[in-house]
Amino acid sequence: MEIPDAVRASVVRRLRQLDHVDRQTIVRAAAIGARFEVTILVATAACTDARVRTALERACRLQLLVVEDGSGERYAFRHAVTRDIVYAELAADRARSLHGRIARTLESASLARSSTLADVAHHAWLAGDARRARRFNELAGDRAASLHATTDARAYYLRAQSVLERDSRAFARIERKLNALNAPA
């Protein structure tokens, strides 16, 4: 979807009202996703918890973000387009590194609570972290397949295969899983 120049200019103008540290914090939040937890942002940010929370408050005043829960621990971008525009401010070379950090943080967090498997898979793949991308996309594919979400399972398996050598055993294993998705029940 093409974003109108006036909308892009409005969001960028509001983003640029933030100082450098706050702006980088909000860009990192955009890399995490349209919705995010403060703890994940703090773990991936280059500043303190207090500074992250200050940046979030400022971004809310500029109507870039909204608080998603009463506790102030979950935020969301006001609109998906806002998130896309903010994310575009992240330089491509920094994106891979940041997605790697997010994947590792989510992986650690998922040990304490469940739910982030698909997010770890996504960020590991964007980071180009072949080991994590293969592992977590295959696991996410397995979970999706067990729920009969074949379209999602196929997408995860294809991502996992994309980081593997075609003649590897892992590639063949995932190929069998893809074929099983197509088999009549």
N, C-alpha and C. Protein backbone atom coordinates (compact mmCIF):
# COMPACT_ATOMS: atom_id res chain seq x y z
N MET A 1 0.83 -1.17 0.00
CA MET A 1 0.00 0.00 0.00
C MET A 1 0.88 1.24 0.00
N GLU A 2 0.60 2.14 -0.88
CA GLU A 2 1.38 3.37 -0.95
C GLU A 2 0.83 4.37 0.07
N ILE A 3 1.73 4.95 0.83
CA ILE A 3 1.34 5.90 1.87
C ILE A 3 1.39 7.30 1.28
N PRO A 4 0.30 8.06 1.41
CA PRO A 4 0.29 9.43 0.88
C PRO A 4 1.41 10.27 1.50
N ASP A 5 2.01 11.13 0.69
CA ASP A 5 3.13 11.97 1.15
C ASP A 5 2.75 12.83 2.35
N ALA A 6 1.53 13.34 2.36
CA ALA A 6 1.10 14.21 3.47
C ALA A 6 1.06 13.43 4.79
N VAL A 7 0.62 12.19 4.74
CA VAL A 7 0.56 11.37 5.95
C VAL A 7 1.99 11.06 6.41
N ARG A 8 2.84 10.65 5.47
CA ARG A 8 4.24 10.35 5.80
C ARG A 8 4.90 11.58 6.42
N ALA A 9 4.71 12.73 5.80
CA ALA A 9 5.33 13.97 6.30
C ALA A 9 4.84 14.31 7.70
N SER A 10 3.57 14.11 7.96
CA SER A 10 3.01 14.41 9.28
C SER A 10 3.62 13.52 10.35
N VAL A 11 3.73 12.22 10.08
CA VAL A 11 4.30 11.30 11.06
C VAL A 11 5.78 11.59 11.27
N VAL A 12 6.52 11.80 10.19
CA VAL A 12 7.96 12.07 10.31
C VAL A 12 8.18 13.38 11.06
N ARG A 13 7.36 14.38 10.82
CA ARG A 13 7.49 15.67 11.52
C ARG A 13 7.28 15.46 13.02
N ARG A 14 6.28 14.66 13.40
CA ARG A 14 6.05 14.39 14.82
C ARG A 14 7.20 13.58 15.41
N LEU A 15 7.68 12.60 14.67
CA LEU A 15 8.80 11.78 15.14
C LEU A 15 10.04 12.64 15.36
N ARG A 16 10.28 13.58 14.49
CA ARG A 16 11.48 14.43 14.59
C ARG A 16 11.38 15.45 15.71
N GLN A 17 10.23 15.59 16.33
CA GLN A 17 10.12 16.46 17.50
C GLN A 17 10.76 15.80 18.73
N LEU A 18 10.98 14.51 18.64
CA LEU A 18 11.65 13.80 19.73
C LEU A 18 13.15 14.00 19.61
N ASP A 19 13.85 13.98 20.76
CA ASP A 19 15.31 14.05 20.68
C ASP A 19 15.84 12.73 20.12
N HIS A 20 17.12 12.68 19.84
CA HIS A 20 17.72 11.52 19.17
C HIS A 20 17.47 10.21 19.92
N VAL A 21 17.69 10.20 21.23
CA VAL A 21 17.53 8.97 22.01
C VAL A 21 16.07 8.52 22.00
N ASP A 22 15.15 9.45 22.22
CA ASP A 22 13.73 9.09 22.21
C ASP A 22 13.30 8.59 20.83
N ARG A 23 13.79 9.24 19.80
CA ARG A 23 13.43 8.85 18.42
C ARG A 23 13.94 7.42 18.15
N GLN A 24 15.18 7.14 18.54
CA GLN A 24 15.72 5.80 18.32
C GLN A 24 14.95 4.74 19.12
N THR A 25 14.48 5.12 20.29
CA THR A 25 13.68 4.21 21.11
C THR A 25 12.37 3.87 20.41
N ILE A 26 11.72 4.86 19.84
CA ILE A 26 10.44 4.64 19.16
C ILE A 26 10.66 3.86 17.86
N VAL A 27 11.76 4.09 17.19
CA VAL A 27 12.08 3.31 15.99
C VAL A 27 12.31 1.85 16.38
N ARG A 28 12.98 1.61 17.51
CA ARG A 28 13.17 0.23 17.99
C ARG A 28 11.82 -0.41 18.29
N ALA A 29 10.93 0.36 18.88
CA ALA A 29 9.58 -0.16 19.17
C ALA A 29 8.89 -0.58 17.87
N ALA A 30 9.06 0.20 16.82
CA ALA A 30 8.46 -0.13 15.53
C ALA A 30 9.04 -1.43 14.99
N ALA A 31 10.32 -1.68 15.25
CA ALA A 31 10.93 -2.93 14.80
C ALA A 31 10.33 -4.13 15.54
N ILE A 32 9.95 -3.94 16.79
CA ILE A 32 9.34 -5.04 17.54
C ILE A 32 7.98 -5.37 16.93
N GLY A 33 7.20 -4.36 16.61
CA GLY A 33 5.90 -4.62 15.99
C GLY A 33 4.89 -3.53 16.28
N ALA A 34 3.70 -3.72 15.75
CA ALA A 34 2.63 -2.73 15.92
C ALA A 34 2.23 -2.61 17.39
N ARG A 35 2.36 -3.71 18.12
CA ARG A 35 2.10 -3.75 19.56
C ARG A 35 3.35 -4.30 20.23
N PHE A 36 3.65 -3.82 21.41
CA PHE A 36 4.87 -4.28 22.07
C PHE A 36 4.77 -4.11 23.57
N GLU A 37 5.59 -4.90 24.27
CA GLU A 37 5.68 -4.81 25.72
C GLU A 37 6.88 -3.94 26.08
N VAL A 38 6.73 -3.14 27.10
CA VAL A 38 7.80 -2.26 27.55
C VAL A 38 9.04 -3.07 27.92
N THR A 39 8.86 -4.21 28.56
CA THR A 39 10.02 -5.00 28.99
C THR A 39 10.88 -5.44 27.81
N ILE A 40 10.26 -5.78 26.70
CA ILE A 40 11.02 -6.18 25.51
C ILE A 40 11.75 -4.97 24.93
N LEU A 41 11.08 -3.83 24.89
CA LEU A 41 11.71 -2.62 24.38
C LEU A 41 12.89 -2.22 25.27
N VAL A 42 12.72 -2.26 26.57
CA VAL A 42 13.81 -1.90 27.49
C VAL A 42 15.00 -2.84 27.28
N ALA A 43 14.72 -4.13 27.12
CA ALA A 43 15.81 -5.11 26.96
C ALA A 43 16.58 -4.91 25.66
N THR A 44 15.96 -4.30 24.66
CA THR A 44 16.64 -4.10 23.38
C THR A 44 17.10 -2.67 23.17
N ALA A 45 16.74 -1.78 24.07
CA ALA A 45 17.09 -0.37 23.92
C ALA A 45 18.49 -0.10 24.47
N ALA A 46 19.02 1.01 24.03
CA ALA A 46 20.36 1.41 24.48
C ALA A 46 20.28 2.45 25.59
N CYS A 47 19.21 2.38 26.40
CA CYS A 47 19.06 3.35 27.48
C CYS A 47 18.29 2.70 28.63
N THR A 48 18.11 3.45 29.69
CA THR A 48 17.49 2.92 30.91
C THR A 48 15.98 2.77 30.76
N ASP A 49 15.42 2.01 31.69
CA ASP A 49 13.97 1.83 31.76
C ASP A 49 13.27 3.19 31.85
N ALA A 50 13.78 4.06 32.72
CA ALA A 50 13.15 5.38 32.90
C ALA A 50 13.18 6.18 31.60
N ARG A 51 14.29 6.12 30.88
CA ARG A 51 14.40 6.88 29.62
C ARG A 51 13.46 6.30 28.56
N VAL A 52 13.32 4.98 28.52
CA VAL A 52 12.37 4.36 27.59
C VAL A 52 10.96 4.82 27.89
N ARG A 53 10.60 4.81 29.16
CA ARG A 53 9.24 5.22 29.54
C ARG A 53 8.99 6.70 29.24
N THR A 54 10.00 7.51 29.40
CA THR A 54 9.88 8.93 29.03
C THR A 54 9.64 9.07 27.53
N ALA A 55 10.39 8.31 26.74
CA ALA A 55 10.21 8.34 25.28
C ALA A 55 8.81 7.90 24.90
N LEU A 56 8.30 6.87 25.56
CA LEU A 56 6.95 6.39 25.27
C LEU A 56 5.90 7.44 25.60
N GLU A 57 6.07 8.11 26.75
CA GLU A 57 5.13 9.17 27.13
C GLU A 57 5.15 10.30 26.10
N ARG A 58 6.33 10.70 25.67
CA ARG A 58 6.45 11.76 24.68
C ARG A 58 5.81 11.35 23.35
N ALA A 59 6.03 10.10 22.95
CA ALA A 59 5.44 9.61 21.70
C ALA A 59 3.92 9.55 21.80
N CYS A 60 3.41 9.26 22.98
CA CYS A 60 1.95 9.28 23.18
C CYS A 60 1.41 10.70 23.04
N ARG A 61 2.11 11.66 23.62
CA ARG A 61 1.67 13.06 23.50
C ARG A 61 1.69 13.53 22.05
N LEU A 62 2.60 12.98 21.26
CA LEU A 62 2.68 13.34 19.84
C LEU A 62 1.73 12.47 18.99
N GLN A 63 0.95 11.65 19.64
CA GLN A 63 -0.03 10.77 19.01
C GLN A 63 0.58 9.78 18.03
N LEU A 64 1.78 9.31 18.37
CA LEU A 64 2.39 8.23 17.62
C LEU A 64 2.01 6.88 18.23
N LEU A 65 1.89 6.85 19.55
CA LEU A 65 1.59 5.64 20.30
C LEU A 65 0.36 5.82 21.16
N VAL A 66 -0.19 4.69 21.60
CA VAL A 66 -1.25 4.69 22.60
C VAL A 66 -0.89 3.62 23.64
N VAL A 67 -1.32 3.85 24.87
CA VAL A 67 -1.15 2.85 25.92
C VAL A 67 -2.23 1.80 25.68
N GLU A 68 -1.82 0.54 25.68
CA GLU A 68 -2.77 -0.51 25.34
C GLU A 68 -3.41 -1.15 26.55
N ASP A 69 -2.84 -0.94 27.71
CA ASP A 69 -3.43 -1.51 28.92
C ASP A 69 -3.32 -0.50 30.06
N GLY A 70 -4.06 -0.72 31.10
CA GLY A 70 -4.06 0.20 32.23
C GLY A 70 -2.76 0.25 33.00
N SER A 71 -1.95 -0.79 32.88
CA SER A 71 -0.71 -0.85 33.64
C SER A 71 0.43 -0.07 32.99
N GLY A 72 0.27 0.30 31.73
CA GLY A 72 1.33 1.01 31.03
C GLY A 72 2.48 0.10 30.63
N GLU A 73 2.23 -1.19 30.56
CA GLU A 73 3.27 -2.15 30.18
C GLU A 73 3.16 -2.59 28.72
N ARG A 74 2.06 -2.26 28.07
CA ARG A 74 1.88 -2.59 26.65
C ARG A 74 1.45 -1.33 25.91
N TYR A 75 2.10 -1.12 24.77
CA TYR A 75 1.80 0.03 23.92
C TYR A 75 1.53 -0.46 22.52
N ALA A 76 0.92 0.41 21.74
CA ALA A 76 0.68 0.11 20.32
C ALA A 76 0.84 1.41 19.53
N PHE A 77 1.22 1.25 18.29
CA PHE A 77 1.24 2.42 17.42
C PHE A 77 -0.20 2.81 17.12
N ARG A 78 -0.44 4.10 17.05
CA ARG A 78 -1.80 4.60 16.87
C ARG A 78 -2.46 3.99 15.63
N HIS A 79 -1.70 3.85 14.57
CA HIS A 79 -2.18 3.25 13.32
C HIS A 79 -1.07 2.38 12.75
N ALA A 80 -1.44 1.36 11.99
CA ALA A 80 -0.44 0.50 11.34
C ALA A 80 0.44 1.32 10.40
N VAL A 81 -0.14 2.30 9.74
CA VAL A 81 0.63 3.15 8.83
C VAL A 81 1.68 3.95 9.60
N THR A 82 1.31 4.40 10.80
CA THR A 82 2.27 5.14 11.63
C THR A 82 3.47 4.25 11.94
N ARG A 83 3.22 3.01 12.30
CA ARG A 83 4.30 2.07 12.59
C ARG A 83 5.17 1.86 11.36
N ASP A 84 4.56 1.70 10.20
CA ASP A 84 5.31 1.48 8.96
C ASP A 84 6.23 2.66 8.65
N ILE A 85 5.71 3.86 8.84
CA ILE A 85 6.51 5.06 8.55
C ILE A 85 7.67 5.18 9.54
N VAL A 86 7.41 4.93 10.81
CA VAL A 86 8.46 5.00 11.83
C VAL A 86 9.51 3.92 11.56
N TYR A 87 9.06 2.71 11.24
CA TYR A 87 9.99 1.62 10.97
C TYR A 87 10.89 1.94 9.77
N ALA A 88 10.37 2.64 8.80
CA ALA A 88 11.15 3.01 7.61
C ALA A 88 12.32 3.92 7.97
N GLU A 89 12.29 4.54 9.12
CA GLU A 89 13.39 5.39 9.58
C GLU A 89 14.61 4.57 10.03
N LEU A 90 14.41 3.28 10.21
CA LEU A 90 15.49 2.40 10.64
C LEU A 90 16.35 2.04 9.43
N ALA A 91 17.62 2.34 9.52
CA ALA A 91 18.54 2.03 8.42
C ALA A 91 18.62 0.52 8.23
N ALA A 92 18.67 0.07 6.99
CA ALA A 92 18.65 -1.36 6.67
C ALA A 92 19.77 -2.12 7.36
N ASP A 93 20.97 -1.55 7.41
CA ASP A 93 22.08 -2.27 8.03
C ASP A 93 21.88 -2.43 9.54
N ARG A 94 21.22 -1.48 10.16
CA ARG A 94 20.94 -1.58 11.59
C ARG A 94 19.75 -2.51 11.85
N ALA A 95 18.88 -2.67 10.87
CA ALA A 95 17.68 -3.47 11.06
C ALA A 95 18.02 -4.92 11.40
N ARG A 96 18.94 -5.53 10.65
CA ARG A 96 19.29 -6.93 10.90
C ARG A 96 19.82 -7.11 12.32
N SER A 97 20.70 -6.22 12.74
CA SER A 97 21.28 -6.29 14.08
C SER A 97 20.19 -6.14 15.14
N LEU A 98 19.31 -5.19 14.94
CA LEU A 98 18.24 -4.95 15.92
C LEU A 98 17.28 -6.13 15.97
N HIS A 99 16.91 -6.67 14.81
CA HIS A 99 16.01 -7.84 14.81
C HIS A 99 16.69 -9.03 15.50
N GLY A 100 17.99 -9.15 15.36
CA GLY A 100 18.71 -10.21 16.08
C GLY A 100 18.62 -10.03 17.58
N ARG A 101 18.80 -8.81 18.03
CA ARG A 101 18.69 -8.53 19.47
C ARG A 101 17.27 -8.79 19.97
N ILE A 102 16.28 -8.38 19.18
CA ILE A 102 14.88 -8.62 19.56
C ILE A 102 14.61 -10.12 19.65
N ALA A 103 15.09 -10.88 18.66
CA ALA A 103 14.88 -12.34 18.67
C ALA A 103 15.48 -12.98 19.91
N ARG A 104 16.71 -12.58 20.25
CA ARG A 104 17.37 -13.15 21.43
C ARG A 104 16.63 -12.76 22.71
N THR A 105 16.15 -11.52 22.78
CA THR A 105 15.40 -11.07 23.95
C THR A 105 14.10 -11.83 24.08
N LEU A 106 13.39 -11.97 22.97
CA LEU A 106 12.13 -12.72 23.01
C LEU A 106 12.36 -14.18 23.34
N GLU A 107 13.45 -14.74 22.83
CA GLU A 107 13.78 -16.13 23.13
C GLU A 107 13.99 -16.29 24.64
N SER A 108 14.72 -15.39 25.26
CA SER A 108 14.93 -15.44 26.71
C SER A 108 13.62 -15.26 27.46
N ALA A 109 12.81 -14.32 26.99
CA ALA A 109 11.53 -14.05 27.65
C ALA A 109 10.60 -15.25 27.52
N SER A 110 10.67 -15.94 26.39
CA SER A 110 9.75 -17.06 26.19
C SER A 110 10.07 -18.23 27.11
N LEU A 111 11.28 -18.27 27.65
CA LEU A 111 11.60 -19.31 28.62
C LEU A 111 10.80 -19.11 29.90
N ALA A 112 10.49 -17.84 30.21
CA ALA A 112 9.73 -17.54 31.41
C ALA A 112 8.22 -17.60 31.17
N ARG A 113 7.78 -17.36 29.94
CA ARG A 113 6.35 -17.41 29.61
C ARG A 113 6.19 -17.83 28.16
N SER A 114 5.08 -18.43 27.88
CA SER A 114 4.85 -18.88 26.50
C SER A 114 4.21 -17.76 25.70
N SER A 115 4.23 -17.87 24.40
CA SER A 115 3.49 -17.01 23.47
C SER A 115 4.34 -16.40 22.38
N THR A 116 5.61 -16.29 22.55
CA THR A 116 6.40 -15.50 21.61
C THR A 116 7.07 -16.31 20.51
N LEU A 117 6.72 -17.56 20.34
CA LEU A 117 7.37 -18.42 19.35
C LEU A 117 7.34 -17.80 17.95
N ALA A 118 6.17 -17.37 17.51
CA ALA A 118 6.05 -16.79 16.16
C ALA A 118 6.85 -15.50 16.06
N ASP A 119 6.88 -14.72 17.13
CA ASP A 119 7.65 -13.47 17.11
C ASP A 119 9.15 -13.74 17.03
N VAL A 120 9.63 -14.72 17.81
CA VAL A 120 11.05 -15.07 17.74
C VAL A 120 11.38 -15.55 16.33
N ALA A 121 10.53 -16.38 15.77
CA ALA A 121 10.75 -16.89 14.40
C ALA A 121 10.84 -15.75 13.40
N HIS A 122 9.94 -14.81 13.51
CA HIS A 122 9.89 -13.66 12.59
C HIS A 122 11.16 -12.81 12.71
N HIS A 123 11.52 -12.44 13.93
CA HIS A 123 12.67 -11.56 14.12
C HIS A 123 14.00 -12.26 13.80
N ALA A 124 14.10 -13.54 14.11
CA ALA A 124 15.32 -14.28 13.76
C ALA A 124 15.49 -14.34 12.25
N TRP A 125 14.40 -14.54 11.55
CA TRP A 125 14.46 -14.58 10.08
C TRP A 125 14.85 -13.22 9.52
N LEU A 126 14.25 -12.14 10.04
CA LEU A 126 14.61 -10.79 9.57
C LEU A 126 16.06 -10.45 9.90
N ALA A 127 16.57 -11.03 10.99
CA ALA A 127 17.96 -10.77 11.38
C ALA A 127 18.95 -11.53 10.52
N GLY A 128 18.46 -12.53 9.80
CA GLY A 128 19.37 -13.37 9.04
C GLY A 128 20.14 -14.34 9.93
N ASP A 129 19.61 -14.62 11.11
CA ASP A 129 20.22 -15.55 12.05
C ASP A 129 19.76 -16.95 11.64
N ALA A 130 20.54 -17.61 10.81
CA ALA A 130 20.13 -18.88 10.20
C ALA A 130 19.76 -19.94 11.24
N ARG A 131 20.56 -20.06 12.27
CA ARG A 131 20.29 -21.10 13.28
C ARG A 131 18.95 -20.87 13.98
N ARG A 132 18.75 -19.67 14.49
CA ARG A 132 17.49 -19.37 15.17
C ARG A 132 16.32 -19.35 14.18
N ALA A 133 16.54 -18.80 13.01
CA ALA A 133 15.46 -18.73 12.01
C ALA A 133 14.98 -20.13 11.66
N ARG A 134 15.91 -21.06 11.44
CA ARG A 134 15.51 -22.44 11.12
C ARG A 134 14.77 -23.06 12.30
N ARG A 135 15.36 -22.95 13.47
CA ARG A 135 14.79 -23.59 14.65
C ARG A 135 13.40 -23.06 14.98
N PHE A 136 13.27 -21.74 15.10
CA PHE A 136 12.01 -21.18 15.56
C PHE A 136 10.93 -21.18 14.48
N ASN A 137 11.32 -21.04 13.22
CA ASN A 137 10.31 -21.13 12.16
C ASN A 137 9.81 -22.56 12.02
N GLU A 138 10.69 -23.53 12.19
CA GLU A 138 10.22 -24.93 12.15
C GLU A 138 9.29 -25.21 13.33
N LEU A 139 9.66 -24.74 14.52
CA LEU A 139 8.80 -24.94 15.69
C LEU A 139 7.45 -24.24 15.51
N ALA A 140 7.49 -23.02 14.98
CA ALA A 140 6.23 -22.30 14.74
C ALA A 140 5.40 -23.02 13.69
N GLY A 141 6.06 -23.58 12.68
CA GLY A 141 5.36 -24.37 11.67
C GLY A 141 4.73 -25.60 12.28
N ASP A 142 5.45 -26.27 13.16
CA ASP A 142 4.91 -27.44 13.83
C ASP A 142 3.67 -27.07 14.66
N ARG A 143 3.77 -25.96 15.38
CA ARG A 143 2.63 -25.53 16.19
C ARG A 143 1.44 -25.21 15.29
N ALA A 144 1.68 -24.45 14.21
CA ALA A 144 0.59 -24.10 13.30
C ALA A 144 -0.02 -25.35 12.67
N ALA A 145 0.82 -26.30 12.28
CA ALA A 145 0.32 -27.53 11.67
C ALA A 145 -0.55 -28.30 12.67
N SER A 146 -0.14 -28.31 13.94
CA SER A 146 -0.92 -29.04 14.95
C SER A 146 -2.29 -28.39 15.17
N LEU A 147 -2.39 -27.11 14.83
CA LEU A 147 -3.66 -26.39 14.96
C LEU A 147 -4.43 -26.36 13.63
N HIS A 148 -3.91 -27.09 12.64
CA HIS A 148 -4.50 -27.15 11.29
C HIS A 148 -4.51 -25.79 10.60
N ALA A 149 -3.57 -24.94 10.95
CA ALA A 149 -3.38 -23.65 10.29
C ALA A 149 -2.34 -23.85 9.19
N THR A 150 -2.74 -24.54 8.13
CA THR A 150 -1.79 -24.98 7.11
C THR A 150 -1.13 -23.83 6.38
N THR A 151 -1.84 -22.75 6.14
CA THR A 151 -1.23 -21.61 5.45
C THR A 151 -0.09 -21.03 6.28
N ASP A 152 -0.34 -20.86 7.57
CA ASP A 152 0.71 -20.35 8.46
C ASP A 152 1.86 -21.35 8.56
N ALA A 153 1.53 -22.62 8.72
CA ALA A 153 2.57 -23.65 8.83
C ALA A 153 3.46 -23.63 7.59
N ARG A 154 2.84 -23.56 6.42
CA ARG A 154 3.61 -23.53 5.17
C ARG A 154 4.55 -22.33 5.15
N ALA A 155 4.06 -21.17 5.56
CA ALA A 155 4.90 -19.96 5.56
C ALA A 155 6.10 -20.12 6.50
N TYR A 156 5.87 -20.66 7.68
CA TYR A 156 6.98 -20.87 8.62
C TYR A 156 7.99 -21.88 8.07
N TYR A 157 7.49 -22.99 7.54
CA TYR A 157 8.39 -24.01 7.00
C TYR A 157 9.21 -23.46 5.83
N LEU A 158 8.58 -22.68 4.97
CA LEU A 158 9.32 -22.11 3.84
C LEU A 158 10.39 -21.13 4.32
N ARG A 159 10.08 -20.36 5.35
CA ARG A 159 11.11 -19.48 5.93
C ARG A 159 12.27 -20.29 6.48
N ALA A 160 11.94 -21.36 7.20
CA ALA A 160 12.99 -22.21 7.76
C ALA A 160 13.86 -22.78 6.64
N GLN A 161 13.24 -23.25 5.58
CA GLN A 161 14.00 -23.80 4.46
C GLN A 161 14.87 -22.75 3.78
N SER A 162 14.43 -21.50 3.79
CA SER A 162 15.15 -20.45 3.07
C SER A 162 16.55 -20.20 3.63
N VAL A 163 16.81 -20.65 4.85
CA VAL A 163 18.14 -20.43 5.44
C VAL A 163 18.97 -21.71 5.47
N LEU A 164 18.48 -22.75 4.82
CA LEU A 164 19.16 -24.05 4.82
C LEU A 164 19.73 -24.39 3.45
N GLU A 165 20.74 -25.25 3.46
CA GLU A 165 21.27 -25.81 2.22
C GLU A 165 20.28 -26.85 1.72
N ARG A 166 20.05 -26.86 0.41
CA ARG A 166 19.06 -27.79 -0.18
C ARG A 166 19.40 -29.26 0.06
N ASP A 167 20.66 -29.59 0.19
CA ASP A 167 21.03 -30.99 0.36
C ASP A 167 21.20 -31.39 1.84
N SER A 168 20.77 -30.54 2.75
CA SER A 168 20.91 -30.85 4.18
C SER A 168 19.76 -31.74 4.66
N ARG A 169 20.01 -32.44 5.75
CA ARG A 169 18.97 -33.28 6.35
C ARG A 169 17.82 -32.43 6.88
N ALA A 170 18.16 -31.27 7.43
CA ALA A 170 17.11 -30.38 7.96
C ALA A 170 16.18 -29.92 6.83
N PHE A 171 16.75 -29.59 5.67
CA PHE A 171 15.94 -29.18 4.52
C PHE A 171 14.99 -30.31 4.13
N ALA A 172 15.51 -31.54 4.07
CA ALA A 172 14.69 -32.70 3.70
C ALA A 172 13.58 -32.95 4.73
N ARG A 173 13.92 -32.80 6.02
CA ARG A 173 12.92 -32.98 7.08
C ARG A 173 11.78 -31.98 6.92
N ILE A 174 12.12 -30.74 6.68
CA ILE A 174 11.09 -29.71 6.53
C ILE A 174 10.30 -29.95 5.24
N GLU A 175 10.96 -30.43 4.20
CA GLU A 175 10.27 -30.76 2.94
C GLU A 175 9.20 -31.83 3.21
N ARG A 176 9.53 -32.83 4.03
CA ARG A 176 8.54 -33.86 4.38
C ARG A 176 7.35 -33.25 5.12
N LYS A 177 7.63 -32.29 5.98
CA LYS A 177 6.55 -31.63 6.71
C LYS A 177 5.68 -30.81 5.76
N LEU A 178 6.30 -30.15 4.80
CA LEU A 178 5.53 -29.41 3.80
C LEU A 178 4.65 -30.36 2.98
N ASN A 179 5.21 -31.49 2.58
CA ASN A 179 4.44 -32.47 1.81
C ASN A 179 3.27 -33.01 2.63
N ALA A 180 3.49 -33.20 3.92
CA ALA A 180 2.41 -33.70 4.80
C ALA A 180 1.26 -32.71 4.88
N LEU A 181 1.56 -31.42 4.76
CA LEU A 181 0.49 -30.43 4.79
C LEU A 181 -0.43 -30.58 3.58
N ASN A 182 0.13 -31.04 2.48
CA ASN A 182 -0.64 -31.17 1.24
C ASN A 182 -1.34 -32.50 1.11
N ALA A 183 -0.99 -33.45 2.00
CA ALA A 183 -1.58 -34.79 1.92
C ALA A 183 -3.05 -34.75 2.36
N PRO A 184 -3.90 -35.53 1.67
CA PRO A 184 -5.31 -35.57 2.07
C PRO A 184 -5.46 -36.19 3.46
N ALA A 185 -6.39 -35.65 4.22
CA ALA A 185 -6.58 -36.13 5.61
C ALA A 185 -7.38 -37.41 5.64
